[in-house]
Amino acid sequence: MKVNNLRIKNIASFRDFYSDAEFAKTTLFFGTNGSGKSTIASLLQLIDRYFSNRQSVEQLEEIREYISSKTSKEAANDENSIEIEFSDNSLKVSYDRFTDSVIFTGNEWYPIKVFNDTYTERTIGKVVDINLEDSGLIIGEPNRLLESEQKKLDGLINRLENYGNKFITIIEEAKAEYKSKANSQANVSEIISMERLKQPSCEFAKNAAAIVWKKKAGI
């Protein structure tokens, strides 16, 4: 659904702004500082979040706070509003300064996604970590936390592998000790094994080294 025109009255730097430039599927806004790019983007984002969140009270309050804080000092009249005309209908959002409330005229909305600094801050945050040696480029606080948790997990996996290697060493030493004392070449792998070592009734339960590593491994 296309946006056919846009009108903003008495919000921020817009006294009575009107544009009949159609919004394409992807539309780029550019201009000098103070030209109103951020105002248009913020208004569209706030309205889109309001309808995306089932017209929640919290999102309505965000719209009220934003427009009330951006009331034009050069207001020609008492109307503070943004009106978006789509192909088959229109939506107008007005702020009443006397009642400090927001009024919607029309209830049809077609999703408009704005990609700017506000969008990136709400989705991934402001954090950018560059560590080319270990992890490359990490963008956003959620990804940095994920990277931290992954490192913790990797450390636990390495510790578990080390404990497993200690078990194997104990098993091999027990096999060698058995064969040496019994002067036997019998296959005792099923008797002296990792699984048997884990059992509480294991005959090696009193083995000091085994006790230490079993406790560290949590078994």
Protein backbone atom coordinates (compact mmCIF):
# COMPACT_ATOMS: atom_id res chain seq x y z
CA MET A 1 0.00 0.00 0.00
CA LYS A 2 1.51 3.35 -1.08
CA VAL A 3 1.63 6.61 0.83
CA ASN A 4 0.33 9.26 -1.56
CA ASN A 5 0.99 12.34 0.52
CA LEU A 6 2.02 13.53 3.95
CA ARG A 7 1.04 16.64 5.91
CA ILE A 8 2.51 17.83 9.22
CA LYS A 9 1.28 20.86 11.13
CA ASN A 10 3.04 22.61 13.99
CA ILE A 11 5.38 19.80 15.02
CA ALA A 12 9.07 20.61 15.49
CA SER A 13 10.31 22.62 12.48
CA PHE A 14 7.18 21.91 10.42
CA ARG A 15 4.71 24.78 10.50
CA ASP A 16 2.43 23.55 7.72
CA PHE A 17 4.33 20.97 5.72
CA TYR A 18 2.81 19.13 2.79
CA SER A 19 4.40 16.64 0.40
CA ASP A 20 2.67 14.80 -2.43
CA ALA A 21 5.75 12.71 -3.18
CA GLU A 22 4.67 9.06 -3.18
CA PHE A 23 6.50 6.67 -0.90
CA ALA A 24 7.92 3.77 -2.88
CA LYS A 25 8.54 0.33 -1.35
CA THR A 26 11.89 1.74 -0.26
CA THR A 27 12.08 5.50 0.26
CA LEU A 28 15.18 7.46 1.25
CA PHE A 29 14.98 10.69 3.23
CA PHE A 30 17.94 13.02 3.00
CA GLY A 31 18.51 16.64 3.90
CA THR A 32 20.55 19.05 5.97
CA ASN A 33 20.63 19.04 9.75
CA GLY A 34 17.44 20.51 11.17
CA SER A 35 15.44 19.91 8.00
CA GLY A 36 13.04 17.53 9.75
CA LYS A 37 14.22 14.07 8.71
CA SER A 38 14.27 12.78 12.28
CA THR A 39 10.85 14.28 13.02
CA ILE A 40 9.19 12.48 10.10
CA ALA A 41 11.00 9.24 10.92
CA SER A 42 10.08 9.40 14.63
CA LEU A 43 6.41 10.15 13.95
CA LEU A 44 6.09 7.26 11.51
CA GLN A 45 7.93 4.91 13.90
CA LEU A 46 5.73 5.87 16.86
CA ILE A 47 2.50 5.41 14.91
CA ASP A 48 3.68 2.10 13.46
CA ARG A 49 4.62 0.79 16.93
CA TYR A 50 1.22 1.91 18.24
CA PHE A 51 -0.67 -0.18 15.68
CA SER A 52 1.85 -3.04 15.78
CA ASN A 53 1.33 -3.32 19.55
CA ARG A 54 -2.47 -3.48 19.30
CA GLN A 55 -2.91 0.20 20.08
CA SER A 56 -1.42 -0.13 23.55
CA VAL A 57 -1.71 2.61 26.15
CA GLU A 58 2.09 2.70 26.51
CA GLN A 59 2.63 3.40 22.82
CA LEU A 60 -0.14 6.03 22.81
CA GLU A 61 1.64 7.78 25.68
CA GLU A 62 4.87 7.78 23.68
CA ILE A 63 3.09 9.53 20.83
CA ARG A 64 1.56 12.09 23.21
CA GLU A 65 4.88 12.82 24.90
CA TYR A 66 6.71 13.17 21.59
CA ILE A 67 4.23 15.53 19.90
CA SER A 68 3.70 17.61 23.04
CA SER A 69 7.47 18.07 23.38
CA LYS A 70 7.77 19.02 19.70
CA THR A 71 5.00 21.61 19.54
CA SER A 72 6.10 24.27 17.10
CA LYS A 73 6.85 27.63 18.66
CA GLU A 74 5.78 29.25 15.41
CA ALA A 75 2.36 27.57 15.44
CA ALA A 76 -0.08 29.49 13.24
CA ASN A 77 -3.02 27.83 14.98
CA ASP A 78 -3.76 25.33 17.74
CA GLU A 79 -3.52 22.22 15.57
CA ASN A 80 -0.59 19.84 16.00
CA SER A 81 -0.97 16.89 13.67
CA ILE A 82 0.39 14.47 11.13
CA GLU A 83 -1.81 13.14 8.34
CA ILE A 84 -0.85 10.26 6.07
CA GLU A 85 -2.89 9.56 2.97
CA PHE A 86 -2.69 6.02 1.61
CA SER A 87 -4.01 4.79 -1.72
CA ASP A 88 -7.49 4.06 -0.40
CA ASN A 89 -7.78 5.84 2.95
CA SER A 90 -6.04 8.22 5.31
CA LEU A 91 -5.00 8.46 8.95
CA LYS A 92 -4.66 11.64 10.98
CA VAL A 93 -3.06 11.87 14.41
CA SER A 94 -3.71 15.11 16.25
CA TYR A 95 -2.53 16.45 19.58
CA ASP A 96 -4.90 18.63 21.59
CA ARG A 97 -2.83 21.03 23.68
CA PHE A 98 -5.76 22.01 25.88
CA THR A 99 -6.66 18.47 26.93
CA ASP A 100 -3.11 17.12 26.52
CA SER A 101 -4.43 14.17 24.55
CA VAL A 102 -3.99 12.43 21.21
CA ILE A 103 -6.85 11.98 18.76
CA PHE A 104 -6.92 9.50 15.87
CA THR A 105 -9.07 10.20 12.83
CA GLY A 106 -9.28 6.96 10.87
CA ASN A 107 -8.19 3.58 12.10
CA GLU A 108 -6.58 1.92 9.09
CA TRP A 109 -2.81 1.60 9.12
CA TYR A 110 -0.38 -0.10 6.79
CA PRO A 111 3.00 -1.04 8.28
CA ILE A 112 5.79 1.43 7.61
CA LYS A 113 9.24 0.41 8.79
CA VAL A 114 11.80 3.14 9.40
CA PHE A 115 15.46 2.17 9.53
CA ASN A 116 17.48 4.80 11.35
CA ASP A 117 19.56 5.20 14.50
CA THR A 118 16.47 4.84 16.69
CA TYR A 119 15.67 1.53 15.02
CA THR A 120 19.18 0.13 15.51
CA GLU A 121 19.34 1.30 19.13
CA ARG A 122 16.02 -0.41 19.94
CA THR A 123 17.00 -3.66 18.21
CA ILE A 124 20.74 -4.17 18.71
CA GLY A 125 21.85 -1.27 20.90
CA LYS A 126 24.78 1.11 20.53
CA VAL A 127 27.62 -1.33 21.19
CA VAL A 128 30.17 -2.19 18.50
CA ASP A 129 33.12 -4.38 19.52
CA ILE A 130 35.94 -5.08 17.10
CA ASN A 131 38.20 -8.00 17.97
CA LEU A 132 39.61 -9.36 14.74
CA GLU A 133 41.80 -11.93 16.50
CA ASP A 134 39.07 -13.72 18.48
CA SER A 135 35.62 -12.94 17.19
CA GLY A 136 35.72 -10.32 14.45
CA LEU A 137 32.96 -7.71 14.58
CA ILE A 138 30.27 -7.82 17.29
CA ILE A 139 27.39 -5.37 16.84
CA GLY A 140 24.90 -4.71 19.63
CA GLU A 141 24.63 -5.40 23.34
CA PRO A 142 22.58 -8.62 22.86
CA ASN A 143 25.29 -10.04 20.60
CA ARG A 144 28.03 -9.04 23.03
CA LEU A 145 26.20 -10.83 25.86
CA LEU A 146 25.72 -13.85 23.58
CA GLU A 147 29.44 -13.86 22.79
CA SER A 148 30.25 -13.72 26.51
CA GLU A 149 27.94 -16.64 27.30
CA GLN A 150 29.40 -18.63 24.40
CA LYS A 151 32.88 -18.17 25.82
CA LYS A 152 31.66 -19.41 29.21
CA LEU A 153 30.10 -22.44 27.54
CA ASP A 154 33.29 -23.14 25.60
CA GLY A 155 35.24 -22.97 28.87
CA LEU A 156 32.90 -25.47 30.54
CA ILE A 157 33.17 -27.81 27.56
CA ASN A 158 36.97 -27.64 27.72
CA ARG A 159 36.92 -28.36 31.45
CA LEU A 160 34.62 -31.33 30.91
CA GLU A 161 36.93 -32.66 28.22
CA ASN A 162 39.88 -32.28 30.59
CA TYR A 163 38.02 -34.18 33.29
CA GLY A 164 37.21 -36.89 30.77
CA ASN A 165 40.88 -37.17 29.88
CA LYS A 166 41.73 -37.52 33.57
CA PHE A 167 39.21 -40.37 33.85
CA ILE A 168 40.80 -42.10 30.87
CA THR A 169 44.23 -41.74 32.47
CA ILE A 170 42.96 -43.26 35.73
CA ILE A 171 41.33 -46.14 33.85
CA GLU A 172 44.44 -46.92 31.85
CA GLU A 173 46.58 -46.79 34.99
CA ALA A 174 44.14 -49.14 36.77
CA LYS A 175 44.28 -51.59 33.84
CA ALA A 176 48.05 -51.52 33.80
CA GLU A 177 48.21 -52.00 37.57
CA TYR A 178 45.81 -54.95 37.40
CA LYS A 179 47.72 -56.66 34.59
CA SER A 180 51.03 -56.07 36.38
CA LYS A 181 49.93 -57.44 39.76
CA ALA A 182 47.81 -60.27 38.35
CA ASN A 183 50.37 -61.07 35.65
CA SER A 184 47.40 -61.30 33.29
CA GLN A 185 46.72 -60.35 29.70
CA ALA A 186 42.92 -60.61 30.13
CA ASN A 187 40.71 -57.96 28.55
CA VAL A 188 39.35 -56.02 31.52
CA SER A 189 37.95 -53.08 29.55
CA GLU A 190 34.35 -53.93 30.50
CA ILE A 191 35.27 -54.21 34.18
CA ILE A 192 37.53 -51.20 34.35
CA SER A 193 35.71 -48.60 32.23
CA MET A 194 34.43 -45.04 32.26
CA GLU A 195 30.84 -46.14 32.88
CA ARG A 196 31.85 -48.38 35.77
CA LEU A 197 33.98 -45.65 37.27
CA LYS A 198 30.92 -43.40 37.39
CA GLN A 199 28.91 -45.92 39.41
CA PRO A 200 28.66 -45.36 43.20
CA SER A 201 29.38 -49.08 43.79
CA CYS A 202 32.56 -48.97 41.71
CA GLU A 203 35.37 -50.95 43.32
CA PHE A 204 37.66 -47.99 42.66
CA ALA A 205 35.44 -45.68 44.72
CA LYS A 206 38.22 -45.28 47.27
CA ASN A 207 40.79 -44.38 44.66
CA ALA A 208 41.93 -40.89 45.77
CA ALA A 209 42.56 -39.62 42.24
CA ALA A 210 39.21 -40.95 41.03
CA ILE A 211 37.37 -39.28 43.92
CA VAL A 212 38.92 -35.90 43.12
CA TRP A 213 38.00 -35.98 39.46
CA LYS A 214 34.55 -37.47 40.03
CA LYS A 215 33.73 -34.56 42.33
CA LYS A 216 34.99 -32.01 39.83
CA ALA A 217 32.90 -33.61 37.10
CA GLY A 218 29.86 -33.64 39.37
CA ILE A 219 29.30 -37.42 39.34
